[in-house]
Amino acid sequence: MNPRLLLAFGFLLGLPPAVPAAAPGAALTAQAAVASSYAGKAPVLAAARAGKRVVSVGDYGTVMISDGGAFRQAREVPVNSTLTAVTFVDDKFGWAVGHWGAILHTADGGETWTRQRLDTTIDRPLFSVHFIDRNHGVAVGLWSLLLTTEDGGKSWNSVSLPKPPDGGRGDRNLFKVFGNRGDVLYVAAERGTVLRSADRGATWTYLDTGYKGSLWTGLVLHDGSLVVAGLRGTAYRSVDDGKSWSQAMTHTKSSITDLVESGNTLWGVGLDGVTLSSSDAGVSFVARQRDDRLALTAAVVAGDGALLTFSKRGLVLATER
């Protein structure tokens, strides 16, 4: 797999970024993403709904858009570095993050993007972004990089995490920030860590799942329960706001990269071509595997209820509902 994808999903935990950083005092010149007939085959790392529209992001600053049919490339993206995550609060306002700490914003459903943040002196990537509303958002990334905004991304503030309960350094890689549209937010991180904030990301506490490996993704379900998942098919569930956790039965050893909920079904996708489904809010899963074992990196439920899955080769057509 592309080394930038390896970094984005934590395969190289604790190691320097796969993309060489610029020399101290030097800065790279940001380049815009280019239109390409091969954009639909570019590796995808994340996807989200913007109203009925689906927007995916990935390698080379590629942003793809679908309004129910074929995907097409966004008209204007100001960076050509890897984009690792995307989120929307409605059909127009969205944000994407990625390498070089890039934060991009769109006000037209992903057609055009503007740059809100970029640090080309060091490649300290952001792995995830979540907005509560059009103003309040959180972005997280490498070595406990955690940024918050209260003005829609016009300005971003760095938040320092407290030292973890085990007394180690507060430098854990933060892979997924998620919430339920309220003030309470969570972050799935390495070393089995889940972080919780009750004040829109201003302060954080550590939740202990009992797991020691990396958690790559997480979700607050419609019933309020929490599910986090990551390495080697590991998934944990909490029904008391993270105070206690129980391990879910996933019946796979393939690492889980994304979770989405549709109606009464919780879907997961992962490496080795694995798709998971749960009808009991994440207590147990049924696992299926593609014959080609293509690594699946992201999933989103389209407006018609179909599950769309994405991979290092772009969109993978799916008909699950």
Protein backbone atom coordinates (compact mmCIF):
# COMPACT_ATOMS: atom_id res chain seq x y z
CA MET A 1 0.00 0.00 0.00
CA ASN A 2 1.09 3.57 -0.66
CA PRO A 3 3.24 4.74 2.31
CA ARG A 4 1.03 7.77 2.77
CA LEU A 5 -1.92 5.45 3.23
CA LEU A 6 0.10 3.43 5.72
CA LEU A 7 0.75 6.55 7.74
CA ALA A 8 -2.84 7.71 7.56
CA PHE A 9 -4.05 4.45 9.08
CA GLY A 10 -1.34 4.12 11.69
CA PHE A 11 0.75 1.29 10.26
CA LEU A 12 3.88 3.27 11.06
CA LEU A 13 2.92 4.25 14.59
CA GLY A 14 5.54 6.31 16.32
CA LEU A 15 7.71 6.65 13.24
CA PRO A 16 8.42 9.87 11.34
CA PRO A 17 6.03 10.81 8.53
CA ALA A 18 6.41 8.82 5.33
CA VAL A 19 6.68 12.04 3.33
CA PRO A 20 10.01 13.80 4.10
CA ALA A 21 9.62 17.04 6.01
CA ALA A 22 11.17 20.22 4.71
CA ALA A 23 14.46 21.36 6.21
CA PRO A 24 14.19 23.64 9.26
CA GLY A 25 13.34 27.15 8.17
CA ALA A 26 12.35 25.98 4.70
CA ALA A 27 8.85 25.72 3.35
CA LEU A 28 7.43 23.96 0.35
CA THR A 29 5.24 25.84 -2.09
CA ALA A 30 1.70 24.53 -2.03
CA GLN A 31 0.45 23.28 -5.38
CA ALA A 32 -3.19 22.90 -6.39
CA ALA A 33 -4.62 19.51 -7.25
CA VAL A 34 -4.75 18.91 -11.00
CA ALA A 35 -7.66 17.62 -13.06
CA SER A 36 -7.02 14.07 -14.20
CA SER A 37 -8.90 11.43 -16.13
CA TYR A 38 -7.52 8.94 -13.59
CA ALA A 39 -8.87 10.79 -10.54
CA GLY A 40 -11.59 8.17 -10.08
CA LYS A 41 -8.91 5.54 -9.49
CA ALA A 42 -6.93 7.58 -6.95
CA PRO A 43 -6.70 6.09 -3.45
CA VAL A 44 -9.58 7.26 -1.25
CA LEU A 45 -9.14 7.69 2.51
CA ALA A 46 -12.49 9.15 3.56
CA ALA A 47 -16.00 9.95 2.35
CA ALA A 48 -18.99 11.86 3.72
CA ARG A 49 -22.51 12.91 2.86
CA ALA A 50 -23.24 16.54 1.96
CA GLY A 51 -27.00 16.41 1.97
CA LYS A 52 -27.80 13.83 -0.73
CA ARG A 53 -24.36 14.30 -2.31
CA VAL A 54 -21.38 12.03 -1.58
CA VAL A 55 -17.91 13.57 -1.38
CA SER A 56 -14.69 11.52 -1.12
CA VAL A 57 -11.09 12.64 -0.57
CA GLY A 58 -7.72 10.98 -0.93
CA ASP A 59 -4.31 10.96 -2.53
CA TYR A 60 -2.91 13.93 -4.53
CA GLY A 61 -5.57 16.29 -3.14
CA THR A 62 -8.22 14.39 -5.07
CA VAL A 63 -11.83 15.29 -4.21
CA MET A 64 -14.59 13.37 -5.98
CA ILE A 65 -18.31 14.22 -5.99
CA SER A 66 -21.41 12.20 -6.81
CA ASP A 67 -25.02 13.41 -6.91
CA GLY A 68 -26.36 9.90 -7.32
CA GLY A 69 -24.57 8.90 -10.48
CA ALA A 70 -20.95 8.71 -11.57
CA PHE A 71 -18.28 10.50 -9.55
CA ARG A 72 -16.62 13.62 -10.97
CA GLN A 73 -13.64 15.61 -9.78
CA ALA A 74 -14.10 18.82 -7.78
CA ARG A 75 -13.38 21.98 -9.74
CA GLU A 76 -10.87 23.61 -7.39
CA VAL A 77 -8.70 22.14 -4.60
CA PRO A 78 -5.76 24.31 -3.44
CA VAL A 79 -3.41 21.46 -2.37
CA ASN A 80 -2.13 18.30 -4.06
CA SER A 81 -1.08 16.57 -0.85
CA THR A 82 -2.97 13.60 0.57
CA LEU A 83 -6.34 14.40 2.14
CA THR A 84 -7.21 12.00 4.95
CA ALA A 85 -10.68 13.03 6.17
CA VAL A 86 -13.78 15.01 5.22
CA THR A 87 -16.93 16.11 7.06
CA PHE A 88 -20.06 18.14 6.31
CA VAL A 89 -22.59 19.79 8.62
CA ASP A 90 -25.15 20.28 5.84
CA ASP A 91 -25.36 20.14 2.06
CA LYS A 92 -23.00 23.10 1.58
CA PHE A 93 -20.54 23.57 4.44
CA GLY A 94 -17.71 21.06 4.77
CA TRP A 95 -14.08 20.64 5.77
CA ALA A 96 -11.25 18.33 4.73
CA VAL A 97 -7.86 17.74 6.37
CA GLY A 98 -4.64 16.03 5.44
CA HIS A 99 -0.89 16.12 5.13
CA TRP A 100 1.15 19.21 5.99
CA GLY A 101 -1.58 19.91 8.54
CA ALA A 102 -3.86 21.10 5.76
CA ILE A 103 -7.40 22.22 6.54
CA LEU A 104 -9.66 23.03 3.60
CA HIS A 105 -13.18 24.50 3.59
CA THR A 106 -16.02 24.41 1.09
CA ALA A 107 -19.24 26.41 1.09
CA ASP A 108 -20.69 24.89 -2.09
CA GLY A 109 -20.93 21.18 -1.31
CA GLY A 110 -17.38 20.33 -2.30
CA GLU A 111 -17.23 21.91 -5.75
CA THR A 112 -14.55 24.41 -4.73
CA TRP A 113 -12.28 24.55 -1.68
CA THR A 114 -10.27 27.25 0.08
CA ARG A 115 -7.28 26.77 2.36
CA GLN A 116 -7.71 27.62 6.04
CA ARG A 117 -4.48 26.14 7.38
CA LEU A 118 -1.23 24.70 6.00
CA ASP A 119 2.22 24.21 7.55
CA THR A 120 4.73 23.15 4.91
CA THR A 121 7.72 23.40 7.27
CA ILE A 122 6.91 19.99 8.74
CA ASP A 123 4.61 17.22 7.59
CA ARG A 124 2.57 16.70 10.73
CA PRO A 125 -0.62 15.37 9.16
CA LEU A 126 -4.15 15.70 10.41
CA PHE A 127 -6.07 12.42 10.33
CA SER A 128 -9.64 13.45 11.15
CA VAL A 129 -12.01 16.41 11.42
CA HIS A 130 -15.47 16.84 12.95
CA PHE A 131 -17.77 19.87 13.11
CA ILE A 132 -20.66 20.27 15.53
CA ASP A 133 -22.14 23.13 13.50
CA ARG A 134 -20.90 25.69 10.99
CA ASN A 135 -18.69 27.34 13.62
CA HIS A 136 -17.41 24.74 16.08
CA GLY A 137 -14.99 22.07 14.91
CA VAL A 138 -12.07 19.87 15.97
CA ALA A 139 -9.22 18.40 13.91
CA VAL A 140 -6.77 15.77 15.19
CA GLY A 141 -3.59 14.15 13.97
CA LEU A 142 -0.02 13.00 14.50
CA TRP A 143 1.62 13.18 17.94
CA SER A 144 -1.49 14.51 19.73
CA LEU A 145 -1.99 17.37 17.30
CA LEU A 146 -5.41 18.72 18.28
CA LEU A 147 -6.91 21.93 16.91
CA THR A 148 -10.23 23.63 17.62
CA THR A 149 -12.14 26.46 15.98
CA GLU A 150 -15.12 28.56 17.04
CA ASP A 151 -15.41 30.63 13.86
CA GLY A 152 -15.80 28.06 11.13
CA GLY A 153 -12.08 27.59 10.66
CA LYS A 154 -11.09 31.22 10.12
CA SER A 155 -8.78 30.66 13.09
CA TRP A 156 -7.56 27.43 14.69
CA ASN A 157 -6.31 27.03 18.26
CA SER A 158 -3.93 24.33 19.46
CA VAL A 159 -5.10 22.32 22.47
CA SER A 160 -2.60 20.50 24.71
CA LEU A 161 -3.76 17.17 26.05
CA PRO A 162 -3.16 16.24 29.70
CA LYS A 163 -0.69 13.52 30.54
CA PRO A 164 -2.29 10.08 30.20
CA PRO A 165 -3.18 8.08 33.32
CA ASP A 166 -0.25 5.71 32.83
CA GLY A 167 2.15 8.61 33.35
CA GLY A 168 3.58 8.53 29.84
CA ARG A 169 3.92 11.42 27.46
CA GLY A 170 0.81 12.97 25.94
CA ASP A 171 1.98 12.35 22.39
CA ARG A 172 -0.40 9.67 21.16
CA ASN A 173 -1.49 9.63 17.55
CA LEU A 174 -5.13 10.69 17.26
CA PHE A 175 -6.91 8.90 14.43
CA LYS A 176 -10.64 9.70 14.54
CA VAL A 177 -12.67 12.48 16.13
CA PHE A 178 -16.42 11.92 16.28
CA GLY A 179 -19.56 13.02 18.11
CA ASN A 180 -23.33 13.11 17.91
CA ARG A 181 -23.93 16.77 16.94
CA GLY A 182 -23.83 17.80 20.60
CA ASP A 183 -21.07 19.32 22.69
CA VAL A 184 -19.65 15.89 23.65
CA LEU A 185 -16.82 14.66 21.41
CA TYR A 186 -14.61 11.57 21.34
CA VAL A 187 -11.27 10.67 19.76
CA ALA A 188 -10.15 7.14 18.91
CA ALA A 189 -6.38 6.91 19.32
CA GLU A 190 -3.46 4.54 19.68
CA ARG A 191 -2.76 2.33 22.75
CA GLY A 192 -6.46 1.55 23.09
CA THR A 193 -7.17 5.12 24.10
CA VAL A 194 -10.43 6.99 23.70
CA LEU A 195 -10.50 10.68 24.67
CA ARG A 196 -13.67 12.52 25.70
CA SER A 197 -14.54 16.21 25.74
CA ALA A 198 -17.76 17.69 27.12
CA ASP A 199 -16.98 21.27 26.08
CA ARG A 200 -16.56 21.14 22.29
CA GLY A 201 -12.92 20.14 22.46
CA ALA A 202 -11.54 22.70 24.93
CA THR A 203 -10.58 20.09 27.55
CA TRP A 204 -10.20 16.31 27.37
CA THR A 205 -10.14 13.25 29.62
CA TYR A 206 -8.88 9.73 28.93
CA LEU A 207 -11.18 6.69 28.74
CA ASP A 208 -9.61 3.26 29.17
CA THR A 209 -11.04 0.55 26.90
CA GLY A 210 -8.71 -2.11 28.29
CA TYR A 211 -7.19 -2.57 24.82
CA LYS A 212 -3.52 -1.79 24.07
CA GLY A 213 -3.57 -1.57 20.28
CA SER A 214 -4.54 1.29 17.98
CA LEU A 215 -8.14 2.35 17.43
CA TRP A 216 -8.62 3.84 13.96
CA THR A 217 -12.30 4.70 13.91
CA GLY A 218 -15.31 5.31 16.12
CA LEU A 219 -18.99 6.23 16.03
CA VAL A 220 -21.81 7.36 18.30
CA LEU A 221 -24.82 5.26 17.32
CA HIS A 222 -28.40 6.50 17.17
CA ASP A 223 -29.14 4.86 20.53
CA GLY A 224 -26.25 6.74 22.17
CA SER A 225 -23.89 3.78 22.48
CA LEU A 226 -20.24 4.13 21.41
CA VAL A 227 -18.33 1.78 19.13
CA VAL A 228 -14.59 2.05 18.40
CA ALA A 229 -12.52 -0.25 16.21
CA GLY A 230 -9.06 -0.71 14.75
CA LEU A 231 -6.17 -3.14 14.55
CA ARG A 232 -6.68 -6.86 13.90
CA GLY A 233 -10.46 -6.64 13.75
CA THR A 234 -10.72 -5.28 17.28
CA ALA A 235 -13.90 -3.45 18.29
CA TYR A 236 -15.16 -2.23 21.66
CA ARG A 237 -18.57 -0.96 22.72
CA SER A 238 -19.81 1.23 25.56
CA VAL A 239 -23.38 1.98 26.65
CA ASP A 240 -22.46 4.31 29.53
CA ASP A 241 -20.65 7.15 27.78
CA GLY A 242 -17.30 5.40 27.88
CA LYS A 243 -17.18 4.56 31.60
CA SER A 244 -16.96 0.85 30.79
CA TRP A 245 -16.30 -1.12 27.61
CA SER A 246 -17.01 -4.61 26.30
CA GLN A 247 -15.31 -6.26 23.35
CA ALA A 248 -17.46 -6.88 20.28
CA MET A 249 -17.30 -10.12 18.33
CA THR A 250 -16.21 -9.16 14.80
CA HIS A 251 -15.15 -12.62 13.57
CA THR A 252 -12.22 -11.14 11.65
CA LYS A 253 -8.55 -10.39 12.23
CA SER A 254 -8.48 -7.74 9.48
CA SER A 255 -8.00 -4.19 10.72
CA ILE A 256 -11.15 -2.03 10.64
CA THR A 257 -10.83 1.35 8.91
CA ASP A 258 -14.32 2.87 9.04
CA LEU A 259 -17.75 2.56 10.67
CA VAL A 260 -21.10 3.93 9.45
CA GLU A 261 -24.68 3.44 10.61
CA SER A 262 -27.77 3.09 8.42
CA GLY A 263 -31.10 2.48 10.06
CA ASN A 264 -30.73 -0.54 12.33
CA THR A 265 -27.50 -1.71 10.71
CA LEU A 266 -23.96 -0.80 11.74
CA TRP A 267 -21.52 -1.28 8.87
CA GLY A 268 -17.74 -1.57 9.01
CA VAL A 269 -15.05 -1.90 6.37
CA GLY A 270 -11.45 -2.96 6.67
CA LEU A 271 -8.28 -4.26 5.17
CA ASP A 272 -8.19 -7.52 3.22
CA GLY A 273 -11.51 -6.67 1.56
CA VAL A 274 -13.58 -7.15 4.71
CA THR A 275 -17.09 -5.75 5.14
CA LEU A 276 -18.82 -6.07 8.52
CA SER A 277 -22.47 -5.73 9.46
CA SER A 278 -24.16 -5.65 12.86
CA SER A 279 -27.87 -5.68 13.63
CA ASP A 280 -27.43 -5.45 17.42
CA ALA A 281 -25.71 -2.06 17.78
CA GLY A 282 -22.20 -3.46 17.58
CA VAL A 283 -22.47 -6.35 20.04
CA SER A 284 -21.56 -8.78 17.25
CA PHE A 285 -20.80 -8.59 13.53
CA VAL A 286 -21.10 -10.72 10.44
CA ALA A 287 -17.92 -10.55 8.35
CA ARG A 288 -17.65 -10.98 4.59
CA GLN A 289 -14.53 -10.82 2.44
CA ARG A 290 -13.95 -9.84 -1.18
CA ASP A 291 -12.27 -12.48 -3.31
CA ASP A 292 -9.57 -10.01 -4.36
CA ARG A 293 -8.97 -8.90 -0.74
CA LEU A 294 -8.78 -5.28 -1.84
CA ALA A 295 -8.13 -3.05 1.18
CA LEU A 296 -11.25 -1.01 1.99
CA THR A 297 -10.55 2.40 3.47
CA ALA A 298 -13.89 4.21 3.87
CA ALA A 299 -17.64 3.80 3.63
CA VAL A 300 -20.68 6.05 3.36
CA VAL A 301 -24.41 5.41 3.08
CA ALA A 302 -25.75 7.07 -0.07
CA GLY A 303 -29.07 8.90 -0.27
CA ASP A 304 -30.81 5.82 -1.66
CA GLY A 305 -29.62 3.73 1.29
CA ALA A 306 -26.89 1.85 -0.58
CA LEU A 307 -23.56 1.33 1.15
CA LEU A 308 -20.71 2.79 -0.93
CA THR A 309 -17.24 1.50 -0.11
CA PHE A 310 -13.91 2.99 -1.10
CA SER A 311 -10.40 1.63 -1.44
CA LYS A 312 -6.86 2.39 -2.52
CA ARG A 313 -8.25 2.09 -6.07
CA GLY A 314 -11.14 4.51 -5.58
CA LEU A 315 -14.84 3.64 -5.37
CA VAL A 316 -15.78 -0.02 -5.05
CA LEU A 317 -19.36 -0.51 -6.18
CA ALA A 318 -21.57 -2.04 -3.52
CA THR A 319 -25.25 -2.89 -3.32
CA GLU A 320 -25.64 -3.63 0.42
CA ARG A 321 -28.60 -1.82 2.00
